[in-house]
Every structure is written in structure tokens, then in C-alpha cells.
Amino acid sequence: MTAKNDERALWENYCRETGRYDDLIIIEPGGFNSFNFLDYEARRKGDGSGLVENLVLTLKTVIKAKENEKSGTNEAFWDDALDMLLFNIIDLCLLAYGELNIDDIDAIAETLPKEQA
């Protein structure tokens, strides 16, 4: 598994050289293959499986990997707010749908009020 763009070609080359190219599974936006990492983490066997705290940490890792690091005096406040939001949305998804996926998390987040009433 890679996240850096330049590593894909390297691993494709490794697979060709070792005769394993047909075993290579490429997961990319708009691609043929997909992997629901949140549902996998929710259902896997072993310690910590299905714990909402672990699901929140997994999702936050993905979010932080996608955004540029920002510094500010209110960073801890926003980090706590994100934790609270994710805990509640993940619990709601699990209760309502019995599984997790990014589309459902996003859809629920989009229905939240944008302004105070």
C-alpha cells in the first residue's frame, strides 16, 4: 500500500519483475477497485475491533493526511470538536445502517445545521 504518487510506478515495476503483476490491486479515486477501510476496521477480528474511538482515530488520520497542517491558537478546540462530531456520526451510522462508509458519514455531516437557530 502506498500513498505517495511516485511509489505506484515503483511497485508496479516490482510486480512486473517478479511475475506478480496480475496480483496487484490498484485502489484509486474513480478506479475499478475500492476498499472500505472504515467498515473493515469496524468488523475486523481482534483487540479494539469496532471501538468507535479507533474508528474516529482512523478517520482523523485520513483527514489529516489530506489537509495541510495548520497552526493556530484554537487548534485544540477544533480538534476536540472534530472528535465529538466524528464520534456521534460514526455511532449514528452504525446504529442506522449497521455498517460504515464515507458516503454515509458525509451525507449525515451535510445535513447538520450550518447556523445557530
N, C-alpha and C. Protein backbone atom coordinates (compact mmCIF):
# COMPACT_ATOMS: atom_id res chain seq x y z
N MET A 1 0.85 -1.17 0.00
CA MET A 1 0.00 0.00 0.00
C MET A 1 0.89 1.23 0.00
N THR A 2 0.58 2.16 -0.86
CA THR A 2 1.34 3.40 -0.94
C THR A 2 0.39 4.59 -0.93
N ALA A 3 0.91 5.72 -0.55
CA ALA A 3 0.13 6.95 -0.60
C ALA A 3 0.81 7.97 -1.50
N LYS A 4 2.10 7.82 -1.67
CA LYS A 4 2.85 8.77 -2.49
C LYS A 4 2.71 8.42 -3.96
N ASN A 5 2.48 9.44 -4.79
CA ASN A 5 2.26 9.23 -6.22
C ASN A 5 3.41 8.52 -6.90
N ASP A 6 4.65 8.85 -6.53
CA ASP A 6 5.80 8.28 -7.22
C ASP A 6 6.06 6.82 -6.86
N GLU A 7 5.48 6.32 -5.79
CA GLU A 7 5.70 4.93 -5.38
C GLU A 7 4.90 3.94 -6.21
N ARG A 8 3.81 4.37 -6.79
CA ARG A 8 2.98 3.45 -7.56
C ARG A 8 3.78 2.82 -8.70
N ALA A 9 4.48 3.63 -9.47
CA ALA A 9 5.27 3.11 -10.59
C ALA A 9 6.34 2.13 -10.10
N LEU A 10 6.95 2.43 -8.96
CA LEU A 10 7.97 1.56 -8.40
C LEU A 10 7.39 0.18 -8.08
N TRP A 11 6.24 0.15 -7.42
CA TRP A 11 5.63 -1.12 -7.05
C TRP A 11 5.07 -1.86 -8.26
N GLU A 12 4.57 -1.14 -9.24
CA GLU A 12 4.13 -1.79 -10.48
C GLU A 12 5.32 -2.48 -11.14
N ASN A 13 6.47 -1.81 -11.14
CA ASN A 13 7.68 -2.39 -11.71
C ASN A 13 8.12 -3.63 -10.93
N TYR A 14 8.09 -3.55 -9.59
CA TYR A 14 8.43 -4.72 -8.76
C TYR A 14 7.53 -5.91 -9.13
N CYS A 15 6.25 -5.66 -9.27
CA CYS A 15 5.30 -6.73 -9.58
C CYS A 15 5.57 -7.32 -10.96
N ARG A 16 5.89 -6.48 -11.94
CA ARG A 16 6.22 -6.98 -13.28
C ARG A 16 7.48 -7.86 -13.23
N GLU A 17 8.51 -7.37 -12.52
CA GLU A 17 9.79 -8.08 -12.45
C GLU A 17 9.65 -9.45 -11.77
N THR A 18 8.73 -9.57 -10.83
CA THR A 18 8.59 -10.83 -10.09
C THR A 18 7.46 -11.70 -10.63
N GLY A 19 6.84 -11.28 -11.73
CA GLY A 19 5.75 -12.07 -12.31
C GLY A 19 4.47 -12.02 -11.50
N ARG A 20 4.29 -10.99 -10.71
CA ARG A 20 3.12 -10.88 -9.83
C ARG A 20 2.20 -9.72 -10.21
N TYR A 21 2.36 -9.18 -11.43
CA TYR A 21 1.58 -8.01 -11.81
C TYR A 21 0.07 -8.29 -11.77
N ASP A 22 -0.33 -9.52 -12.12
CA ASP A 22 -1.75 -9.86 -12.10
C ASP A 22 -2.32 -9.91 -10.69
N ASP A 23 -1.44 -9.99 -9.67
CA ASP A 23 -1.88 -9.99 -8.27
C ASP A 23 -2.00 -8.58 -7.70
N LEU A 24 -1.53 -7.60 -8.43
CA LEU A 24 -1.54 -6.21 -7.96
C LEU A 24 -2.96 -5.67 -8.00
N ILE A 25 -3.38 -5.07 -6.90
CA ILE A 25 -4.70 -4.43 -6.81
C ILE A 25 -4.47 -2.94 -6.62
N ILE A 26 -4.94 -2.15 -7.56
CA ILE A 26 -4.77 -0.69 -7.51
C ILE A 26 -6.09 -0.07 -7.08
N ILE A 27 -6.03 0.67 -5.99
CA ILE A 27 -7.20 1.39 -5.49
C ILE A 27 -6.92 2.86 -5.65
N GLU A 28 -7.77 3.53 -6.41
CA GLU A 28 -7.58 4.96 -6.68
C GLU A 28 -8.94 5.59 -6.92
N PRO A 29 -9.03 6.91 -6.75
CA PRO A 29 -10.31 7.59 -6.99
C PRO A 29 -10.78 7.33 -8.43
N GLY A 30 -12.02 6.91 -8.55
CA GLY A 30 -12.59 6.63 -9.87
C GLY A 30 -12.14 5.31 -10.47
N GLY A 31 -11.34 4.55 -9.74
CA GLY A 31 -10.83 3.28 -10.24
C GLY A 31 -11.83 2.15 -10.10
N PHE A 32 -11.47 0.99 -10.63
CA PHE A 32 -12.33 -0.19 -10.63
C PHE A 32 -12.45 -0.79 -9.22
N ASN A 33 -11.35 -0.82 -8.47
CA ASN A 33 -11.33 -1.43 -7.14
C ASN A 33 -11.56 -0.40 -6.05
N SER A 34 -12.10 -0.86 -4.93
CA SER A 34 -12.29 0.02 -3.78
C SER A 34 -12.06 -0.78 -2.50
N PHE A 35 -11.86 -0.05 -1.42
CA PHE A 35 -11.66 -0.68 -0.11
C PHE A 35 -12.30 0.21 0.94
N ASN A 36 -13.30 -0.29 1.63
CA ASN A 36 -13.99 0.46 2.67
C ASN A 36 -13.23 0.24 3.99
N PHE A 37 -12.22 1.09 4.20
CA PHE A 37 -11.34 0.93 5.36
C PHE A 37 -12.07 1.11 6.68
N LEU A 38 -13.10 1.96 6.71
CA LEU A 38 -13.84 2.16 7.96
C LEU A 38 -14.67 0.93 8.33
N ASP A 39 -15.36 0.36 7.36
CA ASP A 39 -16.16 -0.82 7.65
C ASP A 39 -15.25 -1.99 8.00
N TYR A 40 -14.09 -2.09 7.35
CA TYR A 40 -13.12 -3.13 7.68
C TYR A 40 -12.68 -3.00 9.15
N GLU A 41 -12.34 -1.78 9.55
CA GLU A 41 -11.90 -1.55 10.93
C GLU A 41 -13.03 -1.84 11.92
N ALA A 42 -14.26 -1.54 11.53
CA ALA A 42 -15.40 -1.78 12.41
C ALA A 42 -15.69 -3.27 12.60
N ARG A 43 -15.38 -4.09 11.59
CA ARG A 43 -15.75 -5.50 11.62
C ARG A 43 -14.59 -6.48 11.82
N ARG A 44 -13.36 -6.00 11.76
CA ARG A 44 -12.21 -6.91 11.85
C ARG A 44 -12.21 -7.65 13.18
N LYS A 45 -11.49 -8.74 13.23
CA LYS A 45 -11.35 -9.52 14.46
C LYS A 45 -10.19 -8.96 15.28
N GLY A 46 -10.21 -9.21 16.57
CA GLY A 46 -9.09 -8.84 17.41
C GLY A 46 -9.36 -7.68 18.34
N ASP A 47 -8.35 -7.35 19.13
CA ASP A 47 -8.45 -6.27 20.11
C ASP A 47 -8.78 -4.95 19.44
N GLY A 48 -9.68 -4.21 20.04
CA GLY A 48 -10.03 -2.88 19.56
C GLY A 48 -11.00 -2.85 18.40
N SER A 49 -11.40 -4.01 17.92
CA SER A 49 -12.31 -4.07 16.78
C SER A 49 -13.65 -3.43 17.12
N GLY A 50 -14.12 -2.58 16.23
CA GLY A 50 -15.43 -1.98 16.39
C GLY A 50 -15.53 -0.86 17.39
N LEU A 51 -14.43 -0.52 18.06
CA LEU A 51 -14.46 0.59 19.01
C LEU A 51 -14.56 1.90 18.26
N VAL A 52 -15.54 2.70 18.61
CA VAL A 52 -15.75 3.97 17.92
C VAL A 52 -14.51 4.86 18.05
N GLU A 53 -13.84 4.80 19.18
CA GLU A 53 -12.62 5.60 19.36
C GLU A 53 -11.57 5.24 18.30
N ASN A 54 -11.40 3.97 18.01
CA ASN A 54 -10.44 3.56 16.98
C ASN A 54 -10.90 4.00 15.59
N LEU A 55 -12.20 3.96 15.35
CA LEU A 55 -12.74 4.40 14.06
C LEU A 55 -12.51 5.89 13.87
N VAL A 56 -12.74 6.66 14.93
CA VAL A 56 -12.50 8.11 14.87
C VAL A 56 -11.03 8.39 14.59
N LEU A 57 -10.14 7.70 15.29
CA LEU A 57 -8.70 7.92 15.08
C LEU A 57 -8.29 7.54 13.66
N THR A 58 -8.85 6.47 13.13
CA THR A 58 -8.55 6.07 11.76
C THR A 58 -9.00 7.14 10.78
N LEU A 59 -10.22 7.63 10.94
CA LEU A 59 -10.75 8.65 10.04
C LEU A 59 -9.98 9.96 10.17
N LYS A 60 -9.61 10.33 11.40
CA LYS A 60 -8.84 11.56 11.59
C LYS A 60 -7.46 11.45 10.92
N THR A 61 -6.87 10.27 10.94
CA THR A 61 -5.58 10.08 10.27
C THR A 61 -5.71 10.34 8.78
N VAL A 62 -6.79 9.86 8.19
CA VAL A 62 -7.03 10.09 6.76
C VAL A 62 -7.27 11.57 6.50
N ILE A 63 -8.07 12.21 7.34
CA ILE A 63 -8.37 13.63 7.17
C ILE A 63 -7.09 14.45 7.26
N LYS A 64 -6.27 14.18 8.27
CA LYS A 64 -5.03 14.95 8.46
C LYS A 64 -4.04 14.70 7.34
N ALA A 65 -4.05 13.52 6.75
CA ALA A 65 -3.16 13.23 5.63
C ALA A 65 -3.57 14.03 4.40
N LYS A 66 -4.84 14.40 4.31
CA LYS A 66 -5.34 15.13 3.15
C LYS A 66 -5.23 16.65 3.28
N GLU A 67 -5.12 17.13 4.48
CA GLU A 67 -5.08 18.59 4.65
C GLU A 67 -3.68 19.05 5.02
N ASN A 68 -3.38 20.25 4.70
CA ASN A 68 -2.10 20.82 5.11
C ASN A 68 -2.16 21.12 6.59
N GLU A 69 -1.04 20.91 7.27
CA GLU A 69 -1.00 21.21 8.70
C GLU A 69 -1.18 22.73 8.88
N LYS A 70 -2.11 23.09 9.74
CA LYS A 70 -2.38 24.49 10.04
C LYS A 70 -2.10 24.72 11.51
N SER A 71 -1.49 25.82 11.80
CA SER A 71 -1.26 26.13 13.21
C SER A 71 -2.16 27.29 13.61
N GLY A 72 -2.51 27.32 14.86
CA GLY A 72 -3.37 28.38 15.37
C GLY A 72 -3.64 28.17 16.83
N THR A 73 -4.08 29.21 17.47
CA THR A 73 -4.30 29.12 18.91
C THR A 73 -5.53 28.29 19.25
N ASN A 74 -6.45 28.11 18.32
CA ASN A 74 -7.68 27.37 18.58
C ASN A 74 -7.62 25.95 18.04
N GLU A 75 -6.44 25.46 17.69
CA GLU A 75 -6.33 24.13 17.07
C GLU A 75 -6.88 23.04 17.99
N ALA A 76 -6.59 23.09 19.27
CA ALA A 76 -7.09 22.08 20.21
C ALA A 76 -8.62 22.10 20.26
N PHE A 77 -9.22 23.29 20.23
CA PHE A 77 -10.68 23.41 20.23
C PHE A 77 -11.27 22.71 19.02
N TRP A 78 -10.70 22.98 17.83
CA TRP A 78 -11.23 22.39 16.60
C TRP A 78 -10.98 20.89 16.54
N ASP A 79 -9.86 20.45 17.10
CA ASP A 79 -9.57 19.02 17.15
C ASP A 79 -10.58 18.31 18.04
N ASP A 80 -10.91 18.89 19.17
CA ASP A 80 -11.93 18.31 20.06
C ASP A 80 -13.31 18.32 19.40
N ALA A 81 -13.63 19.40 18.69
CA ALA A 81 -14.92 19.49 18.00
C ALA A 81 -15.02 18.42 16.91
N LEU A 82 -13.92 18.19 16.19
CA LEU A 82 -13.91 17.15 15.17
C LEU A 82 -14.11 15.78 15.80
N ASP A 83 -13.43 15.53 16.94
CA ASP A 83 -13.62 14.25 17.66
C ASP A 83 -15.10 14.04 18.00
N MET A 84 -15.72 15.05 18.58
CA MET A 84 -17.10 14.95 19.00
C MET A 84 -18.01 14.68 17.80
N LEU A 85 -17.78 15.40 16.72
CA LEU A 85 -18.59 15.22 15.51
C LEU A 85 -18.44 13.80 14.97
N LEU A 86 -17.20 13.33 14.85
CA LEU A 86 -16.97 12.00 14.30
C LEU A 86 -17.52 10.90 15.19
N PHE A 87 -17.33 11.01 16.50
CA PHE A 87 -17.89 10.01 17.42
C PHE A 87 -19.40 9.89 17.21
N ASN A 88 -20.08 11.01 17.16
CA ASN A 88 -21.54 10.99 17.03
C ASN A 88 -22.00 10.49 15.66
N ILE A 89 -21.34 10.91 14.61
CA ILE A 89 -21.75 10.47 13.27
C ILE A 89 -21.46 8.99 13.07
N ILE A 90 -20.31 8.51 13.54
CA ILE A 90 -19.99 7.09 13.40
C ILE A 90 -20.97 6.24 14.19
N ASP A 91 -21.28 6.63 15.41
CA ASP A 91 -22.29 5.90 16.20
C ASP A 91 -23.63 5.87 15.46
N LEU A 92 -24.03 7.01 14.91
CA LEU A 92 -25.30 7.09 14.19
C LEU A 92 -25.30 6.18 12.97
N CYS A 93 -24.22 6.17 12.21
CA CYS A 93 -24.13 5.29 11.04
C CYS A 93 -24.23 3.82 11.44
N LEU A 94 -23.51 3.44 12.47
CA LEU A 94 -23.54 2.05 12.91
C LEU A 94 -24.94 1.65 13.39
N LEU A 95 -25.60 2.55 14.11
CA LEU A 95 -26.95 2.26 14.59
C LEU A 95 -27.97 2.24 13.44
N ALA A 96 -27.86 3.19 12.53
CA ALA A 96 -28.85 3.32 11.47
C ALA A 96 -28.65 2.31 10.33
N TYR A 97 -27.39 2.10 9.94
CA TYR A 97 -27.12 1.29 8.75
C TYR A 97 -26.43 -0.03 9.04
N GLY A 98 -25.83 -0.18 10.22
CA GLY A 98 -25.12 -1.41 10.54
C GLY A 98 -23.78 -1.56 9.87
N GLU A 99 -23.33 -0.52 9.19
CA GLU A 99 -22.03 -0.52 8.52
C GLU A 99 -21.54 0.90 8.37
N LEU A 100 -20.29 1.04 7.98
CA LEU A 100 -19.71 2.37 7.82
C LEU A 100 -19.21 2.56 6.41
N ASN A 101 -19.45 3.75 5.88
CA ASN A 101 -18.78 4.17 4.65
C ASN A 101 -18.73 5.69 4.61
N ILE A 102 -17.78 6.18 3.87
CA ILE A 102 -17.53 7.63 3.80
C ILE A 102 -18.75 8.37 3.26
N ASP A 103 -19.45 7.81 2.29
CA ASP A 103 -20.61 8.50 1.72
C ASP A 103 -21.69 8.76 2.76
N ASP A 104 -21.96 7.77 3.63
CA ASP A 104 -22.97 7.97 4.67
C ASP A 104 -22.50 8.99 5.71
N ILE A 105 -21.23 8.92 6.09
CA ILE A 105 -20.69 9.89 7.04
C ILE A 105 -20.81 11.30 6.48
N ASP A 106 -20.45 11.46 5.21
CA ASP A 106 -20.53 12.76 4.55
C ASP A 106 -21.98 13.24 4.45
N ALA A 107 -22.88 12.33 4.09
CA ALA A 107 -24.29 12.71 3.94
C ALA A 107 -24.87 13.19 5.27
N ILE A 108 -24.53 12.51 6.36
CA ILE A 108 -25.02 12.94 7.67
C ILE A 108 -24.42 14.29 8.05
N ALA A 109 -23.13 14.45 7.82
CA ALA A 109 -22.47 15.72 8.15
C ALA A 109 -23.08 16.88 7.36
N GLU A 110 -23.47 16.63 6.12
CA GLU A 110 -24.06 17.68 5.28
C GLU A 110 -25.45 18.11 5.76
N THR A 111 -26.12 17.25 6.52
CA THR A 111 -27.46 17.60 7.00
C THR A 111 -27.43 18.41 8.30
N LEU A 112 -26.26 18.57 8.88
CA LEU A 112 -26.16 19.32 10.12
C LEU A 112 -26.46 20.80 9.88
N PRO A 113 -27.06 21.46 10.86
CA PRO A 113 -27.35 22.90 10.71
C PRO A 113 -26.06 23.69 10.47
N LYS A 114 -26.14 24.65 9.58
CA LYS A 114 -24.98 25.48 9.25
C LYS A 114 -24.91 26.73 10.11
N GLU A 115 -26.05 27.15 10.67
CA GLU A 115 -26.11 28.35 11.50
C GLU A 115 -26.91 28.05 12.76
N GLN A 116 -26.65 28.83 13.80
CA GLN A 116 -27.45 28.69 15.01
C GLN A 116 -28.85 29.24 14.76
N ALA A 117 -29.84 28.55 15.29
CA ALA A 117 -31.23 29.00 15.10
C ALA A 117 -31.58 30.07 16.09
